[in-house]
Amino acid sequence: MFVKSKLNFLSKSLAILSLVFVGPVIAQQYTLPSSDSRLIGERIQHKVEVGDYFHSLSQQYNIGLIALMASNPSVDPFLPLPGTRLELPTSMLLPDVEYKGIVINLPELRLYYFPKNTNEVHVFPVGIGREGRETPQMKSVVKTKIKDPVWTPTQTTRSEYLDKHKMVLPRVVPAGKHNPLGNFALRLAYGQSNYLIHGTNSDFGIGMRISAGCIRMNPDDIEWLYNNVKVNESVRIINRPIKFTLEPDGQNLLEVHSPLSTKKLNREVNTTKVINALKENSLVDNNAVQEALLLHHGLPINVSI
């Protein structure tokens, strides 16, 4: 199972990898599948060349760092050997929810946007709340759109910075290159409207659990979303580490991501339903299912007999 030591290792590893130069990201746009399918995208392999690093590749293909590491667990993320073929997490199962507005599946570290009156879905890697400052599940809407947001760190955040970094944060950080919210933000109506989907002034943290609860996106991604989403569009944040579907071609596809908490995993109603359905399904290979549940590769795997 996913343990805290692995999370700590990934965080330290990715902090180092984030220092590598990266180029512009590529938007991920998919055509929605037929109504009886949930599979989008295609499996892509990348042949490692000299100078390739996981962080630069995650930016090149606009995929999350942890997602890339999970789909290639045997590859050294610091020094991938030239010639190695990496499995890119560019194929996925859509979450089993209404295809409407913004949908964020926390264990995937992905944001799905379903534009109204189109046959498209746009998928972006995101950073979410770290342990102790978790991003909550919610049904909400976009309350306001903010260009050049001002950051007003909470007292909790200011105390954390002082304790961990010996840094005194100002009460207000104006818009600009030193503002960690980036250039664009969407304020959600949930609770006291303290949660944002926002950009960043650093490429570190996308595809990781690192924020104080807000949703963090690459600068180009949040700018695109800001320009396309409308006020009052729906936002749903869910916690679905396991996705399963029977495709029209007869494939039983299972996609498993590392759960946010192993303690709460068995209390997740949707997760329990999927696991129970798999146990009762005579058309799936139980050994393949157990392997997928153990390894958390985050890729759609055919578990049919």
C-alpha atoms as a PDB file:
ATOM      1  CA  MET A   1       0.000   0.000   0.000  1.00  0.00           C
ATOM      2  CA  PHE A   2       0.968   3.620  -0.385  1.00  0.00           C
ATOM      3  CA  VAL A   3       2.918   4.653   2.710  1.00  0.00           C
ATOM      4  CA  LYS A   4       4.115   7.960   4.127  1.00  0.00           C
ATOM      5  CA  SER A   5       7.795   7.147   3.496  1.00  0.00           C
ATOM      6  CA  LYS A   6       7.075   6.859  -0.215  1.00  0.00           C
ATOM      7  CA  LEU A   7       5.348  10.230  -0.172  1.00  0.00           C
ATOM      8  CA  ASN A   8       8.316  11.814   1.574  1.00  0.00           C
ATOM      9  CA  PHE A   9      10.729  10.276  -0.931  1.00  0.00           C
ATOM     10  CA  LEU A  10       8.688  11.517  -3.879  1.00  0.00           C
ATOM     11  CA  SER A  11       8.466  15.034  -2.447  1.00  0.00           C
ATOM     12  CA  LYS A  12      12.232  15.251  -1.912  1.00  0.00           C
ATOM     13  CA  SER A  13      12.965  13.742  -5.296  1.00  0.00           C
ATOM     14  CA  LEU A  14      10.633  16.076  -7.139  1.00  0.00           C
ATOM     15  CA  ALA A  15      11.997  19.110  -5.331  1.00  0.00           C
ATOM     16  CA  ILE A  16      15.382  18.376  -6.885  1.00  0.00           C
ATOM     17  CA  LEU A  17      13.951  17.531 -10.292  1.00  0.00           C
ATOM     18  CA  SER A  18      12.074  20.829 -10.377  1.00  0.00           C
ATOM     19  CA  LEU A  19      15.359  22.680 -10.765  1.00  0.00           C
ATOM     20  CA  VAL A  20      15.800  21.337 -14.296  1.00  0.00           C
ATOM     21  CA  PHE A  21      14.966  23.664 -17.191  1.00  0.00           C
ATOM     22  CA  VAL A  22      11.666  22.880 -18.880  1.00  0.00           C
ATOM     23  CA  GLY A  23       9.913  24.082 -22.023  1.00  0.00           C
ATOM     24  CA  PRO A  24       6.307  25.032 -22.695  1.00  0.00           C
ATOM     25  CA  VAL A  25       3.486  22.652 -21.856  1.00  0.00           C
ATOM     26  CA  ILE A  26       1.131  21.060 -24.369  1.00  0.00           C
ATOM     27  CA  ALA A  27      -2.605  21.229 -23.676  1.00  0.00           C
ATOM     28  CA  GLN A  28      -4.399  17.899 -23.304  1.00  0.00           C
ATOM     29  CA  GLN A  29      -7.680  17.905 -25.222  1.00  0.00           C
ATOM     30  CA  TYR A  30      -9.695  14.750 -25.817  1.00  0.00           C
ATOM     31  CA  THR A  31     -12.868  13.856 -27.674  1.00  0.00           C
ATOM     32  CA  LEU A  32     -15.504  12.375 -25.406  1.00  0.00           C
ATOM     33  CA  PRO A  33     -16.043   8.650 -26.020  1.00  0.00           C
ATOM     34  CA  SER A  34     -19.363   7.024 -26.869  1.00  0.00           C
ATOM     35  CA  SER A  35     -21.943   6.929 -24.090  1.00  0.00           C
ATOM     36  CA  ASP A  36     -21.088   3.323 -23.172  1.00  0.00           C
ATOM     37  CA  SER A  37     -17.333   4.001 -22.879  1.00  0.00           C
ATOM     38  CA  ARG A  38     -15.189   5.940 -20.405  1.00  0.00           C
ATOM     39  CA  LEU A  39     -11.766   5.440 -22.011  1.00  0.00           C
ATOM     40  CA  ILE A  40     -10.009   8.472 -23.482  1.00  0.00           C
ATOM     41  CA  GLY A  41      -6.545   9.031 -24.912  1.00  0.00           C
ATOM     42  CA  GLU A  42      -3.969   6.554 -26.114  1.00  0.00           C
ATOM     43  CA  ARG A  43      -1.043   4.813 -24.474  1.00  0.00           C
ATOM     44  CA  ILE A  44       2.119   6.604 -25.546  1.00  0.00           C
ATOM     45  CA  GLN A  45       5.723   5.632 -24.943  1.00  0.00           C
ATOM     46  CA  HIS A  46       8.606   8.063 -24.812  1.00  0.00           C
ATOM     47  CA  LYS A  47      12.126   6.907 -25.646  1.00  0.00           C
ATOM     48  CA  VAL A  48      14.524   8.572 -23.235  1.00  0.00           C
ATOM     49  CA  GLU A  49      17.227  10.704 -24.805  1.00  0.00           C
ATOM     50  CA  VAL A  50      20.263  12.275 -23.215  1.00  0.00           C
ATOM     51  CA  GLY A  51      19.119  15.250 -21.158  1.00  0.00           C
ATOM     52  CA  ASP A  52      15.610  13.932 -20.518  1.00  0.00           C
ATOM     53  CA  TYR A  53      14.378  14.155 -16.945  1.00  0.00           C
ATOM     54  CA  PHE A  54      11.022  13.298 -15.452  1.00  0.00           C
ATOM     55  CA  HIS A  55      10.296  16.906 -14.632  1.00  0.00           C
ATOM     56  CA  SER A  56      11.003  18.180 -18.143  1.00  0.00           C
ATOM     57  CA  LEU A  57       8.981  15.329 -19.635  1.00  0.00           C
ATOM     58  CA  SER A  58       6.046  16.045 -17.341  1.00  0.00           C
ATOM     59  CA  GLN A  59       6.047  19.610 -18.637  1.00  0.00           C
ATOM     60  CA  GLN A  60       6.498  18.545 -22.258  1.00  0.00           C
ATOM     61  CA  TYR A  61       3.506  16.212 -22.145  1.00  0.00           C
ATOM     62  CA  ASN A  62       1.580  18.183 -19.490  1.00  0.00           C
ATOM     63  CA  ILE A  63       1.259  15.253 -17.099  1.00  0.00           C
ATOM     64  CA  GLY A  64       1.810  15.094 -13.353  1.00  0.00           C
ATOM     65  CA  LEU A  65       5.199  14.180 -11.911  1.00  0.00           C
ATOM     66  CA  ILE A  66       3.867  11.607  -9.483  1.00  0.00           C
ATOM     67  CA  ALA A  67       1.717  10.146 -12.269  1.00  0.00           C
ATOM     68  CA  LEU A  68       4.792   9.746 -14.470  1.00  0.00           C
ATOM     69  CA  MET A  69       6.760   8.153 -11.652  1.00  0.00           C
ATOM     70  CA  ALA A  70       3.891   5.809 -10.771  1.00  0.00           C
ATOM     71  CA  SER A  71       3.605   4.555 -14.344  1.00  0.00           C
ATOM     72  CA  ASN A  72       7.364   3.896 -14.480  1.00  0.00           C
ATOM     73  CA  PRO A  73       8.252   2.634 -10.985  1.00  0.00           C
ATOM     74  CA  SER A  74      11.431   0.831 -12.037  1.00  0.00           C
ATOM     75  CA  VAL A  75      13.016   3.878 -13.732  1.00  0.00           C
ATOM     76  CA  ASP A  76      15.344   6.231 -11.868  1.00  0.00           C
ATOM     77  CA  PRO A  77      13.616   9.663 -12.087  1.00  0.00           C
ATOM     78  CA  PHE A  78      16.946  11.445 -11.608  1.00  0.00           C
ATOM     79  CA  LEU A  79      18.897   9.618 -14.315  1.00  0.00           C
ATOM     80  CA  PRO A  80      16.627   7.704 -16.687  1.00  0.00           C
ATOM     81  CA  LEU A  81      18.895   5.691 -18.964  1.00  0.00           C
ATOM     82  CA  PRO A  82      18.922   6.811 -22.618  1.00  0.00           C
ATOM     83  CA  GLY A  83      16.989   4.322 -24.689  1.00  0.00           C
ATOM     84  CA  THR A  84      14.542   3.480 -21.887  1.00  0.00           C
ATOM     85  CA  ARG A  85      10.929   3.491 -23.025  1.00  0.00           C
ATOM     86  CA  LEU A  86       8.668   5.293 -20.576  1.00  0.00           C
ATOM     87  CA  GLU A  87       4.949   4.641 -20.264  1.00  0.00           C
ATOM     88  CA  LEU A  88       3.185   8.007 -20.317  1.00  0.00           C
ATOM     89  CA  PRO A  89      -0.124   8.322 -18.431  1.00  0.00           C
ATOM     90  CA  THR A  90      -1.884   9.825 -21.451  1.00  0.00           C
ATOM     91  CA  SER A  91      -4.714   7.293 -21.486  1.00  0.00           C
ATOM     92  CA  MET A  92      -7.281   7.257 -18.678  1.00  0.00           C
ATOM     93  CA  LEU A  93     -10.817   6.424 -17.617  1.00  0.00           C
ATOM     94  CA  LEU A  94     -13.135   9.357 -17.128  1.00  0.00           C
ATOM     95  CA  PRO A  95     -14.462   9.644 -13.567  1.00  0.00           C
ATOM     96  CA  ASP A  96     -17.891   8.104 -13.083  1.00  0.00           C
ATOM     97  CA  VAL A  97     -19.662  11.445 -12.599  1.00  0.00           C
ATOM     98  CA  GLU A  98     -21.704  13.820 -14.719  1.00  0.00           C
ATOM     99  CA  TYR A  99     -19.597  15.307 -17.524  1.00  0.00           C
ATOM    100  CA  LYS A 100     -20.196  18.901 -16.575  1.00  0.00           C
ATOM    101  CA  GLY A 101     -18.009  21.885 -15.695  1.00  0.00           C
ATOM    102  CA  ILE A 102     -14.877  21.230 -13.656  1.00  0.00           C
ATOM    103  CA  VAL A 103     -14.247  17.841 -12.060  1.00  0.00           C
ATOM    104  CA  ILE A 104     -11.146  17.262  -9.920  1.00  0.00           C
ATOM    105  CA  ASN A 105     -10.277  13.731  -8.811  1.00  0.00           C
ATOM    106  CA  LEU A 106      -7.875  14.193  -5.906  1.00  0.00           C
ATOM    107  CA  PRO A 107      -6.003  10.840  -6.012  1.00  0.00           C
ATOM    108  CA  GLU A 108      -5.382  11.317  -9.738  1.00  0.00           C
ATOM    109  CA  LEU A 109      -4.056  14.839  -9.237  1.00  0.00           C
ATOM    110  CA  ARG A 110      -6.024  15.731 -12.364  1.00  0.00           C
ATOM    111  CA  LEU A 111      -8.568  18.355 -13.320  1.00  0.00           C
ATOM    112  CA  TYR A 112     -11.147  17.590 -16.013  1.00  0.00           C
ATOM    113  CA  TYR A 113     -13.015  20.390 -17.727  1.00  0.00           C
ATOM    114  CA  PHE A 114     -16.116  19.617 -19.793  1.00  0.00           C
ATOM    115  CA  PRO A 115     -17.048  22.712 -21.837  1.00  0.00           C
ATOM    116  CA  LYS A 116     -20.777  23.174 -22.279  1.00  0.00           C
ATOM    117  CA  ASN A 117     -22.288  22.174 -25.643  1.00  0.00           C
ATOM    118  CA  THR A 118     -19.122  20.465 -26.881  1.00  0.00           C
ATOM    119  CA  ASN A 119     -17.912  16.908 -27.329  1.00  0.00           C
ATOM    120  CA  GLU A 120     -14.588  17.663 -25.613  1.00  0.00           C
ATOM    121  CA  VAL A 121     -12.861  17.218 -22.309  1.00  0.00           C
ATOM    122  CA  HIS A 122      -9.665  19.015 -21.311  1.00  0.00           C
ATOM    123  CA  VAL A 123      -7.392  17.338 -18.769  1.00  0.00           C
ATOM    124  CA  PHE A 124      -4.729  19.077 -16.676  1.00  0.00           C
ATOM    125  CA  PRO A 125      -2.324  18.003 -13.920  1.00  0.00           C
ATOM    126  CA  VAL A 126      -2.847  19.829 -10.634  1.00  0.00           C
ATOM    127  CA  GLY A 127      -1.268  20.214  -7.233  1.00  0.00           C
ATOM    128  CA  ILE A 128      -3.544  19.654  -4.238  1.00  0.00           C
ATOM    129  CA  GLY A 129      -3.492  20.075  -0.466  1.00  0.00           C
ATOM    130  CA  ARG A 130      -0.759  18.351   1.486  1.00  0.00           C
ATOM    131  CA  GLU A 131      -1.320  16.068   4.450  1.00  0.00           C
ATOM    132  CA  GLY A 132      -2.861  18.095   7.267  1.00  0.00           C
ATOM    133  CA  ARG A 133      -4.093  20.775   4.836  1.00  0.00           C
ATOM    134  CA  GLU A 134      -6.140  18.497   2.584  1.00  0.00           C
ATOM    135  CA  THR A 135      -8.268  19.791  -0.266  1.00  0.00           C
ATOM    136  CA  PRO A 136     -11.872  18.938   0.682  1.00  0.00           C
ATOM    137  CA  GLN A 137     -14.338  17.033  -1.449  1.00  0.00           C
ATOM    138  CA  MET A 138     -17.094  19.367  -2.549  1.00  0.00           C
ATOM    139  CA  LYS A 139     -19.896  20.309  -4.890  1.00  0.00           C
ATOM    140  CA  SER A 140     -19.578  23.985  -5.669  1.00  0.00           C
ATOM    141  CA  VAL A 141     -19.394  26.591  -8.421  1.00  0.00           C
ATOM    142  CA  VAL A 142     -16.964  29.189  -9.679  1.00  0.00           C
ATOM    143  CA  LYS A 143     -17.866  32.229  -7.611  1.00  0.00           C
ATOM    144  CA  THR A 144     -15.508  34.782  -9.154  1.00  0.00           C
ATOM    145  CA  LYS A 145     -12.694  34.984 -11.691  1.00  0.00           C
ATOM    146  CA  ILE A 146      -9.655  36.960 -10.568  1.00  0.00           C
ATOM    147  CA  LYS A 147      -6.887  38.368 -12.741  1.00  0.00           C
ATOM    148  CA  ASP A 148      -3.662  39.283 -10.939  1.00  0.00           C
ATOM    149  CA  PRO A 149      -4.847  37.959  -7.565  1.00  0.00           C
ATOM    150  CA  VAL A 150      -3.499  39.330  -4.310  1.00  0.00           C
ATOM    151  CA  TRP A 151      -2.389  36.709  -1.783  1.00  0.00           C
ATOM    152  CA  THR A 152      -3.471  37.176   1.821  1.00  0.00           C
ATOM    153  CA  PRO A 153      -1.868  34.269   3.707  1.00  0.00           C
ATOM    154  CA  THR A 154      -3.879  32.993   6.660  1.00  0.00           C
ATOM    155  CA  GLN A 155      -2.500  33.108  10.174  1.00  0.00           C
ATOM    156  CA  THR A 156      -2.018  29.328   9.995  1.00  0.00           C
ATOM    157  CA  THR A 157       0.087  29.670   6.841  1.00  0.00           C
ATOM    158  CA  ARG A 158       2.117  32.528   8.300  1.00  0.00           C
ATOM    159  CA  SER A 159       2.791  30.476  11.443  1.00  0.00           C
ATOM    160  CA  GLU A 160       3.840  27.463   9.348  1.00  0.00           C
ATOM    161  CA  TYR A 161       6.310  29.553   7.343  1.00  0.00           C
ATOM    162  CA  LEU A 162       7.769  31.010  10.496  1.00  0.00           C
ATOM    163  CA  ASP A 163       8.097  27.586  12.124  1.00  0.00           C
ATOM    164  CA  LYS A 164       9.407  25.610   9.135  1.00  0.00           C
ATOM    165  CA  HIS A 165      11.248  28.202   7.075  1.00  0.00           C
ATOM    166  CA  LYS A 166      12.059  30.873   9.682  1.00  0.00           C
ATOM    167  CA  MET A 167      10.401  33.298   7.313  1.00  0.00           C
ATOM    168  CA  VAL A 168       8.006  36.094   8.243  1.00  0.00           C
ATOM    169  CA  LEU A 169       5.363  36.343   5.547  1.00  0.00           C
ATOM    170  CA  PRO A 170       3.801  39.725   4.868  1.00  0.00           C
ATOM    171  CA  ARG A 171       0.098  39.976   5.601  1.00  0.00           C
ATOM    172  CA  VAL A 172      -0.575  40.813   1.957  1.00  0.00           C
ATOM    173  CA  VAL A 173       1.452  39.821  -1.120  1.00  0.00           C
ATOM    174  CA  PRO A 174       0.580  42.011  -4.114  1.00  0.00           C
ATOM    175  CA  ALA A 175       0.207  40.718  -7.652  1.00  0.00           C
ATOM    176  CA  GLY A 176       3.467  40.135  -9.465  1.00  0.00           C
ATOM    177  CA  LYS A 177       6.286  37.645  -9.935  1.00  0.00           C
ATOM    178  CA  HIS A 178       6.610  36.986  -6.199  1.00  0.00           C
ATOM    179  CA  ASN A 179       2.953  36.079  -5.773  1.00  0.00           C
ATOM    180  CA  PRO A 180       2.504  32.282  -5.401  1.00  0.00           C
ATOM    181  CA  LEU A 181      -1.039  32.477  -6.808  1.00  0.00           C
ATOM    182  CA  GLY A 182       0.280  33.358 -10.242  1.00  0.00           C
ATOM    183  CA  ASN A 183      -1.620  35.598 -12.644  1.00  0.00           C
ATOM    184  CA  PHE A 184      -5.069  33.990 -12.637  1.00  0.00           C
ATOM    185  CA  ALA A 185      -7.410  32.432 -10.095  1.00  0.00           C
ATOM    186  CA  LEU A 186     -10.913  31.026  -9.826  1.00  0.00           C
ATOM    187  CA  ARG A 187     -12.538  31.472  -6.414  1.00  0.00           C
ATOM    188  CA  LEU A 188     -14.898  28.672  -5.393  1.00  0.00           C
ATOM    189  CA  ALA A 189     -18.158  29.288  -3.533  1.00  0.00           C
ATOM    190  CA  TYR A 190     -17.539  26.436  -1.100  1.00  0.00           C
ATOM    191  CA  GLY A 191     -17.608  27.307   2.625  1.00  0.00           C
ATOM    192  CA  GLN A 192     -16.241  30.781   3.243  1.00  0.00           C
ATOM    193  CA  SER A 193     -14.879  30.959  -0.321  1.00  0.00           C
ATOM    194  CA  ASN A 194     -11.320  30.351   0.870  1.00  0.00           C
ATOM    195  CA  TYR A 195     -10.491  27.799  -1.821  1.00  0.00           C
ATOM    196  CA  LEU A 196      -9.031  28.782  -5.178  1.00  0.00           C
ATOM    197  CA  ILE A 197      -8.004  27.132  -8.396  1.00  0.00           C
ATOM    198  CA  HIS A 198      -4.960  29.226  -9.205  1.00  0.00           C
ATOM    199  CA  GLY A 199      -1.653  29.466 -11.026  1.00  0.00           C
ATOM    200  CA  THR A 200       1.814  29.620  -9.566  1.00  0.00           C
ATOM    201  CA  ASN A 201       5.035  31.601  -9.845  1.00  0.00           C
ATOM    202  CA  SER A 202       6.997  28.348  -9.829  1.00  0.00           C
ATOM    203  CA  ASP A 203       6.693  25.127 -11.848  1.00  0.00           C
ATOM    204  CA  PHE A 204       7.328  23.112  -8.680  1.00  0.00           C
ATOM    205  CA  GLY A 205       4.351  21.373  -7.109  1.00  0.00           C
ATOM    206  CA  ILE A 206       2.192  20.548 -10.125  1.00  0.00           C
ATOM    207  CA  GLY A 207       1.043  16.955  -9.872  1.00  0.00           C
ATOM    208  CA  MET A 208       1.897  16.748  -6.156  1.00  0.00           C
ATOM    209  CA  ARG A 209       0.253  17.080  -2.740  1.00  0.00           C
ATOM    210  CA  ILE A 210       1.943  20.284  -1.691  1.00  0.00           C
ATOM    211  CA  SER A 211      -0.508  23.195  -1.352  1.00  0.00           C
ATOM    212  CA  ALA A 212      -2.339  24.527   1.706  1.00  0.00           C
ATOM    213  CA  GLY A 213      -5.615  23.198   0.307  1.00  0.00           C
ATOM    214  CA  CYS A 214      -6.084  25.103  -2.923  1.00  0.00           C
ATOM    215  CA  ILE A 215      -5.763  23.633  -6.426  1.00  0.00           C
ATOM    216  CA  ARG A 216      -2.534  24.633  -8.175  1.00  0.00           C
ATOM    217  CA  MET A 217      -2.111  24.625 -11.972  1.00  0.00           C
ATOM    218  CA  ASN A 218       0.607  25.384 -14.505  1.00  0.00           C
ATOM    219  CA  PRO A 219       0.491  29.063 -15.569  1.00  0.00           C
ATOM    220  CA  ASP A 220      -0.540  28.294 -19.163  1.00  0.00           C
ATOM    221  CA  ASP A 221      -3.230  25.881 -17.979  1.00  0.00           C
ATOM    222  CA  ILE A 222      -4.899  28.235 -15.512  1.00  0.00           C
ATOM    223  CA  GLU A 223      -4.815  31.037 -18.078  1.00  0.00           C
ATOM    224  CA  TRP A 224      -6.619  28.796 -20.572  1.00  0.00           C
ATOM    225  CA  LEU A 225      -9.148  27.701 -17.946  1.00  0.00           C
ATOM    226  CA  TYR A 226      -9.679  31.297 -16.781  1.00  0.00           C
ATOM    227  CA  ASN A 227     -10.438  32.371 -20.350  1.00  0.00           C
ATOM    228  CA  ASN A 228     -12.864  29.500 -20.986  1.00  0.00           C
ATOM    229  CA  VAL A 229     -14.725  28.847 -17.749  1.00  0.00           C
ATOM    230  CA  LYS A 230     -17.690  30.988 -16.748  1.00  0.00           C
ATOM    231  CA  VAL A 231     -18.819  32.273 -13.364  1.00  0.00           C
ATOM    232  CA  ASN A 232     -21.331  29.873 -11.759  1.00  0.00           C
ATOM    233  CA  GLU A 233     -20.038  26.862 -13.701  1.00  0.00           C
ATOM    234  CA  SER A 234     -20.107  23.761 -11.551  1.00  0.00           C
ATOM    235  CA  VAL A 235     -17.055  22.457  -9.715  1.00  0.00           C
ATOM    236  CA  ARG A 236     -16.982  18.983  -8.222  1.00  0.00           C
ATOM    237  CA  ILE A 237     -14.014  17.671  -6.243  1.00  0.00           C
ATOM    238  CA  ILE A 238     -14.062  13.916  -5.643  1.00  0.00           C
ATOM    239  CA  ASN A 239     -11.916  11.215  -4.069  1.00  0.00           C
ATOM    240  CA  ARG A 240     -11.930   8.171  -6.386  1.00  0.00           C
ATOM    241  CA  PRO A 241      -8.603   6.277  -6.349  1.00  0.00           C
ATOM    242  CA  ILE A 242     -10.134   3.284  -8.181  1.00  0.00           C
ATOM    243  CA  LYS A 243     -11.942   3.469 -11.530  1.00  0.00           C
ATOM    244  CA  PHE A 244     -13.413   0.493 -13.377  1.00  0.00           C
ATOM    245  CA  THR A 245     -15.425   0.092 -16.571  1.00  0.00           C
ATOM    246  CA  LEU A 246     -16.606  -2.535 -19.019  1.00  0.00           C
ATOM    247  CA  GLU A 247     -15.811  -1.164 -22.449  1.00  0.00           C
ATOM    248  CA  PRO A 248     -17.880  -1.812 -25.615  1.00  0.00           C
ATOM    249  CA  ASP A 249     -15.142  -4.112 -26.965  1.00  0.00           C
ATOM    250  CA  GLY A 250     -15.486  -6.354 -23.912  1.00  0.00           C
ATOM    251  CA  GLN A 251     -12.406  -5.153 -22.034  1.00  0.00           C
ATOM    252  CA  ASN A 252     -12.707  -4.853 -18.266  1.00  0.00           C
ATOM    253  CA  LEU A 253     -10.481  -1.848 -17.535  1.00  0.00           C
ATOM    254  CA  LEU A 254      -9.199  -1.037 -14.063  1.00  0.00           C
ATOM    255  CA  GLU A 255      -7.264   2.130 -13.173  1.00  0.00           C
ATOM    256  CA  VAL A 256      -5.824   2.466  -9.675  1.00  0.00           C
ATOM    257  CA  HIS A 257      -4.170   5.505  -8.115  1.00  0.00           C
ATOM    258  CA  SER A 258      -2.510   5.810  -4.723  1.00  0.00           C
ATOM    259  CA  PRO A 259      -5.172   6.675  -2.135  1.00  0.00           C
ATOM    260  CA  LEU A 260      -4.867   9.916  -0.221  1.00  0.00           C
ATOM    261  CA  SER A 261      -5.119   7.949   3.016  1.00  0.00           C
ATOM    262  CA  THR A 262      -4.983   4.183   3.494  1.00  0.00           C
ATOM    263  CA  LYS A 263      -6.870   4.614   6.774  1.00  0.00           C
ATOM    264  CA  LYS A 264      -9.854   6.211   5.039  1.00  0.00           C
ATOM    265  CA  LEU A 265      -9.746   4.058   1.901  1.00  0.00           C
ATOM    266  CA  ASN A 266     -12.154   1.399   3.134  1.00  0.00           C
ATOM    267  CA  ARG A 267     -14.594   4.069   4.315  1.00  0.00           C
ATOM    268  CA  GLU A 268     -14.955   5.554   0.841  1.00  0.00           C
ATOM    269  CA  VAL A 269     -18.374   4.408  -0.352  1.00  0.00           C
ATOM    270  CA  ASN A 270     -17.574   4.546  -4.072  1.00  0.00           C
ATOM    271  CA  THR A 271     -14.277   2.713  -3.591  1.00  0.00           C
ATOM    272  CA  THR A 272     -15.988  -0.021  -1.587  1.00  0.00           C
ATOM    273  CA  LYS A 273     -18.621  -0.414  -4.287  1.00  0.00           C
ATOM    274  CA  VAL A 274     -15.991  -0.860  -7.000  1.00  0.00           C
ATOM    275  CA  ILE A 275     -13.968  -3.388  -4.988  1.00  0.00           C
ATOM    276  CA  ASN A 276     -17.093  -5.410  -4.127  1.00  0.00           C
ATOM    277  CA  ALA A 277     -18.230  -5.379  -7.756  1.00  0.00           C
ATOM    278  CA  LEU A 278     -14.811  -6.656  -8.861  1.00  0.00           C
ATOM    279  CA  LYS A 279     -14.968  -9.506  -6.349  1.00  0.00           C
ATOM    280  CA  GLU A 280     -18.335 -10.591  -7.731  1.00  0.00           C
ATOM    281  CA  ASN A 281     -17.371 -10.215 -11.392  1.00  0.00           C
ATOM    282  CA  SER A 282     -16.706 -13.630 -12.924  1.00  0.00           C
ATOM    283  CA  LEU A 283     -15.227 -12.043 -16.055  1.00  0.00           C
ATOM    284  CA  VAL A 284     -12.164 -10.506 -14.394  1.00  0.00           C
ATOM    285  CA  ASP A 285      -8.837 -12.065 -13.451  1.00  0.00           C
ATOM    286  CA  ASN A 286      -8.589 -11.757  -9.654  1.00  0.00           C
ATOM    287  CA  ASN A 287      -4.792 -11.970  -9.748  1.00  0.00           C
ATOM    288  CA  ALA A 288      -4.613  -9.078 -12.219  1.00  0.00           C
ATOM    289  CA  VAL A 289      -7.011  -7.084 -10.045  1.00  0.00           C
ATOM    290  CA  GLN A 290      -4.968  -7.682  -6.891  1.00  0.00           C
ATOM    291  CA  GLU A 291      -1.761  -6.697  -8.695  1.00  0.00           C
ATOM    292  CA  ALA A 292      -3.333  -3.459  -9.924  1.00  0.00           C
ATOM    293  CA  LEU A 293      -4.657  -2.659  -6.446  1.00  0.00           C
ATOM    294  CA  LEU A 294      -1.191  -3.239  -5.005  1.00  0.00           C
ATOM    295  CA  LEU A 295       0.952  -1.355  -7.536  1.00  0.00           C
ATOM    296  CA  HIS A 296      -1.118   1.823  -8.172  1.00  0.00           C
ATOM    297  CA  HIS A 297       0.320   2.407 -11.654  1.00  0.00           C
ATOM    298  CA  GLY A 298      -2.450   4.863 -12.541  1.00  0.00           C
ATOM    299  CA  LEU A 299      -2.924   3.377 -16.014  1.00  0.00           C
ATOM    300  CA  PRO A 300      -6.028   1.636 -17.432  1.00  0.00           C
ATOM    301  CA  ILE A 301      -5.241  -2.092 -17.251  1.00  0.00           C
ATOM    302  CA  ASN A 302      -7.263  -4.841 -18.930  1.00  0.00           C
ATOM    303  CA  VAL A 303      -8.132  -7.291 -16.134  1.00  0.00           C
ATOM    304  CA  SER A 304     -10.390  -9.522 -18.223  1.00  0.00           C
ATOM    305  CA  ILE A 305     -10.001 -13.271 -18.018  1.00  0.00           C
END
